[in-house]
């Protein structure tokens, strides 16, 4: 099965990004989107897939796909490998700074 994500809010456009079996639970991968942005894809240990912007808003580096997965209060997050800020995988909100967030992309398996 392939994972697709929607990155265009104006259209119901889905982009195939990888085979589902390429995602190792607890680890991320980066995918280049048609518009030049990068998405960070993750699968948690229960098998649910998430996609957020790969750009760390604190440093500008494309590194969130290399972050560590965890959970806080039952909410899944990825911690940036650089400065360790945590980003909620469902909302994109930074758990350490309420004024910062990253884009979240809907994911589906086809």
Protein backbone atom coordinates (compact mmCIF):
# COMPACT_ATOMS: atom_id res chain seq x y z
CA UNK A 1 0.00 0.00 0.00
CA UNK A 2 1.11 3.54 -0.69
CA UNK A 3 0.91 6.54 1.61
CA UNK A 4 -0.42 9.73 0.09
CA UNK A 5 -0.64 13.18 1.58
CA UNK A 6 -2.63 16.24 0.70
CA UNK A 7 -0.53 19.40 0.57
CA UNK A 8 -2.79 21.73 -1.42
CA UNK A 9 -5.60 23.27 0.62
CA UNK A 10 -7.24 24.72 -2.51
CA UNK A 11 -7.78 21.37 -4.24
CA UNK A 12 -8.44 17.78 -3.29
CA UNK A 13 -4.99 16.82 -4.58
CA UNK A 14 -3.17 13.84 -3.12
CA UNK A 15 0.50 13.01 -3.75
CA UNK A 16 1.96 9.52 -3.39
CA UNK A 17 5.01 9.81 -1.14
CA UNK A 18 6.17 6.29 -0.26
CA UNK A 19 5.24 2.66 0.23
CA UNK A 20 3.69 2.22 3.65
CA UNK A 21 6.13 -0.57 4.54
CA UNK A 22 9.06 1.88 4.14
CA UNK A 23 8.06 3.62 7.38
CA UNK A 24 9.58 2.08 10.47
CA UNK A 25 7.48 2.71 13.59
CA UNK A 26 9.13 5.37 15.72
CA UNK A 27 11.32 6.75 12.91
CA UNK A 28 10.72 9.40 10.26
CA UNK A 29 11.46 9.91 6.58
CA UNK A 30 11.48 13.06 4.46
CA UNK A 31 9.56 13.42 1.20
CA UNK A 32 9.96 16.14 -1.43
CA UNK A 33 6.61 17.62 -2.47
CA UNK A 34 5.78 18.88 -5.99
CA UNK A 35 5.86 22.52 -4.79
CA UNK A 36 9.43 22.14 -3.46
CA UNK A 37 8.53 21.86 0.22
CA UNK A 38 9.50 18.85 2.30
CA UNK A 39 7.23 16.74 4.49
CA UNK A 40 8.34 14.64 7.45
CA UNK A 41 6.44 11.34 7.60
CA UNK A 42 6.12 9.18 10.69
CA UNK A 43 4.36 6.01 11.76
CA UNK A 44 3.77 5.43 15.43
CA UNK A 45 3.94 2.03 17.13
CA UNK A 46 0.18 1.53 16.70
CA UNK A 47 0.56 1.96 12.91
CA UNK A 48 -0.94 5.44 12.49
CA UNK A 49 0.81 7.67 9.94
CA UNK A 50 1.45 11.41 10.34
CA UNK A 51 2.94 14.09 8.08
CA UNK A 52 4.16 17.55 9.07
CA UNK A 53 6.42 20.15 7.48
CA UNK A 54 10.04 18.98 7.68
CA UNK A 55 11.38 22.51 8.31
CA UNK A 56 12.28 23.30 11.91
CA UNK A 57 10.88 26.84 12.40
CA UNK A 58 13.50 27.66 15.04
CA UNK A 59 16.55 26.94 12.87
CA UNK A 60 15.22 26.81 9.30
CA UNK A 61 16.85 23.40 8.80
CA UNK A 62 14.96 20.56 7.10
CA UNK A 63 15.42 18.10 9.97
CA UNK A 64 12.14 17.23 11.71
CA UNK A 65 12.04 13.85 9.94
CA UNK A 66 15.15 12.95 11.97
CA UNK A 67 13.53 13.83 15.30
CA UNK A 68 12.58 11.52 18.13
CA UNK A 69 8.95 10.45 18.57
CA UNK A 70 7.26 10.52 21.93
CA UNK A 71 4.00 11.44 23.59
CA UNK A 72 2.95 14.01 26.16
CA UNK A 73 -0.46 13.77 27.77
CA UNK A 74 -1.43 11.13 25.23
CA UNK A 75 -0.53 13.41 22.29
CA UNK A 76 2.08 12.16 19.80
CA UNK A 77 4.97 14.53 19.08
CA UNK A 78 8.33 14.72 17.36
CA UNK A 79 11.23 16.47 19.09
CA UNK A 80 13.52 18.42 16.78
CA UNK A 81 16.99 16.84 16.66
CA UNK A 82 18.61 20.27 16.91
CA UNK A 83 17.09 22.32 19.74
CA UNK A 84 14.66 19.65 21.03
CA UNK A 85 11.41 21.63 20.68
CA UNK A 86 8.44 19.24 20.49
CA UNK A 87 5.80 19.45 17.75
CA UNK A 88 2.38 17.82 18.07
CA UNK A 89 1.99 15.42 15.11
CA UNK A 90 -1.77 15.95 14.92
CA UNK A 91 -1.92 19.75 15.11
CA UNK A 92 1.63 20.94 14.32
CA UNK A 93 1.61 23.10 17.44
CA UNK A 94 4.90 23.52 19.26
CA UNK A 95 4.48 22.15 22.78
CA UNK A 96 7.28 24.38 24.06
CA UNK A 97 6.24 27.70 22.48
CA UNK A 98 2.54 28.47 21.95
CA UNK A 99 3.31 31.02 19.23
CA UNK A 100 5.01 28.51 16.89
CA UNK A 101 3.57 25.73 14.73
CA UNK A 102 4.42 23.73 11.61
CA UNK A 103 2.08 22.71 8.79
CA UNK A 104 0.26 19.37 9.11
CA UNK A 105 -0.65 17.31 6.05
CA UNK A 106 -3.57 14.85 5.91
CA UNK A 107 -2.32 11.30 5.23
CA UNK A 108 -4.14 8.34 3.72
CA UNK A 109 -3.21 4.80 2.74
CA UNK A 110 -4.29 3.56 -0.71
